[in-house]
Amino acid sequence: MFILEKKANTTQRVWEHMKRNYQGEKIAVVGVEKQLPQTFLRNKQVIFYESLTEDAVLEEGRQFLKNFAKDYTALVFYLNCSSEIAEQLIEEGRTLGVRVTVTVDEKAA
């Protein structure tokens, strides 16, 4: 379970994190519509879901975990959220038996 600060070169850092920690596993990247890295990670054949809204990230993230935890070994939430929300999503993933990474706004970390 990981929390990554969103700084410069976030997409590269997320990709390196995924290679280091989730090598060969079935993972998905989940984010807010039109806020996922459009080119770099998409070229890596990672499964993407742009189904969250900024107003309800925690609620929708929890629902997403409940719906898809059985389909993946790890989920990466590519968000600008607080550390508190990140920790709650990670705990929900732990409860459901899936590893979770959440990116947080660097001011929140």
Protein backbone atom coordinates (compact mmCIF):
# COMPACT_ATOMS: atom_id res chain seq x y z
CA MET A 1 0.00 0.00 0.00
CA PHE A 2 1.56 3.24 -1.13
CA ILE A 3 0.95 6.97 -1.17
CA LEU A 4 2.87 8.93 -3.82
CA GLU A 5 3.12 12.72 -3.90
CA LYS A 6 2.21 14.31 -7.21
CA LYS A 7 5.28 16.32 -8.20
CA ALA A 8 7.19 16.97 -11.36
CA ASN A 9 7.34 13.91 -13.64
CA THR A 10 4.47 12.23 -11.83
CA THR A 11 3.64 9.89 -14.70
CA GLN A 12 7.22 8.67 -14.90
CA ARG A 13 7.32 8.16 -11.12
CA VAL A 14 4.02 6.25 -11.20
CA TRP A 15 5.27 4.02 -14.04
CA GLU A 16 8.53 3.29 -12.18
CA HIS A 17 6.53 2.51 -9.04
CA MET A 18 4.30 0.12 -10.97
CA LYS A 19 7.29 -1.65 -12.55
CA ARG A 20 9.04 -1.98 -9.20
CA ASN A 21 6.09 -3.08 -7.09
CA TYR A 22 3.54 -4.65 -9.43
CA GLN A 23 5.70 -6.40 -12.03
CA GLY A 24 3.70 -8.93 -14.03
CA GLU A 25 0.46 -8.34 -12.11
CA LYS A 26 -2.94 -7.34 -13.41
CA ILE A 27 -3.36 -3.72 -12.39
CA ALA A 28 -5.65 -0.84 -13.29
CA VAL A 29 -5.16 2.91 -13.06
CA VAL A 30 -8.23 4.78 -11.84
CA GLY A 31 -8.72 8.51 -12.00
CA VAL A 32 -10.93 11.50 -12.53
CA GLU A 33 -12.19 12.03 -16.06
CA LYS A 34 -9.62 13.69 -18.36
CA GLN A 35 -6.96 13.83 -15.64
CA LEU A 36 -5.10 10.59 -16.31
CA PRO A 37 -1.77 10.74 -18.17
CA GLN A 38 -2.95 10.39 -21.73
CA THR A 39 0.09 9.16 -23.59
CA PHE A 40 2.94 7.77 -21.55
CA LEU A 41 1.11 5.23 -19.42
CA ARG A 42 -1.47 4.45 -22.08
CA ASN A 43 1.35 3.25 -24.32
CA LYS A 44 2.27 0.69 -21.63
CA GLN A 45 -0.99 -1.19 -22.16
CA VAL A 46 -2.25 -0.47 -18.66
CA ILE A 47 -6.00 -0.69 -18.11
CA PHE A 48 -7.52 2.72 -17.39
CA TYR A 49 -10.78 3.80 -15.80
CA GLU A 50 -11.76 7.46 -15.81
CA SER A 51 -14.85 7.01 -13.73
CA LEU A 52 -14.39 9.16 -10.62
CA THR A 53 -15.61 12.71 -10.10
CA GLU A 54 -13.70 15.24 -8.03
CA ASP A 55 -16.68 15.87 -5.76
CA ALA A 56 -16.99 12.28 -4.55
CA VAL A 57 -13.56 10.67 -4.92
CA LEU A 58 -13.70 8.76 -1.63
CA GLU A 59 -17.23 7.43 -2.05
CA GLU A 60 -16.76 6.52 -5.71
CA GLY A 61 -13.29 5.10 -5.04
CA ARG A 62 -14.69 2.80 -2.38
CA GLN A 63 -17.46 1.68 -4.71
CA PHE A 64 -14.93 1.07 -7.48
CA LEU A 65 -12.85 -1.06 -5.13
CA LYS A 66 -15.88 -3.12 -4.14
CA ASN A 67 -16.80 -3.67 -7.79
CA PHE A 68 -13.35 -4.44 -9.19
CA ALA A 69 -11.10 -5.71 -6.37
CA LYS A 70 -11.68 -9.30 -7.46
CA ASP A 71 -10.51 -8.51 -11.01
CA TYR A 72 -7.09 -6.98 -10.18
CA THR A 73 -4.18 -7.63 -7.86
CA ALA A 74 -3.48 -3.90 -7.56
CA LEU A 75 -5.17 -0.59 -8.26
CA VAL A 76 -3.45 2.77 -8.72
CA PHE A 77 -5.64 5.77 -7.95
CA TYR A 78 -4.20 8.69 -9.90
CA LEU A 79 -5.73 11.58 -7.96
CA ASN A 80 -5.11 14.95 -6.35
CA CYS A 81 -6.55 14.11 -2.96
CA SER A 82 -5.63 14.55 0.69
CA SER A 83 -3.55 12.05 2.62
CA GLU A 84 -6.63 11.22 4.70
CA ILE A 85 -8.64 10.18 1.66
CA ALA A 86 -5.65 8.21 0.35
CA GLU A 87 -5.33 6.33 3.63
CA GLN A 88 -9.04 5.48 3.62
CA LEU A 89 -8.84 4.11 0.07
CA ILE A 90 -5.78 2.06 1.00
CA GLU A 91 -7.54 0.66 4.05
CA GLU A 92 -10.58 -0.24 1.94
CA GLY A 93 -8.30 -2.05 -0.49
CA ARG A 94 -6.61 -3.89 2.37
CA THR A 95 -10.02 -5.01 3.61
CA LEU A 96 -10.90 -6.32 0.15
CA GLY A 97 -7.52 -8.00 -0.38
CA VAL A 98 -6.20 -5.79 -3.17
CA ARG A 99 -3.07 -3.63 -3.06
CA VAL A 100 -3.68 0.08 -3.58
CA THR A 101 -1.50 3.03 -4.53
CA VAL A 102 -2.89 6.57 -4.33
CA THR A 103 -1.27 9.76 -5.60
CA VAL A 104 -1.89 12.80 -3.42
CA ASP A 105 -1.46 16.49 -3.93
CA GLU A 106 2.08 17.29 -2.75
CA LYS A 107 0.74 19.91 -0.32
CA ALA A 108 -1.33 17.19 1.35
CA ALA A 109 1.47 14.65 1.81
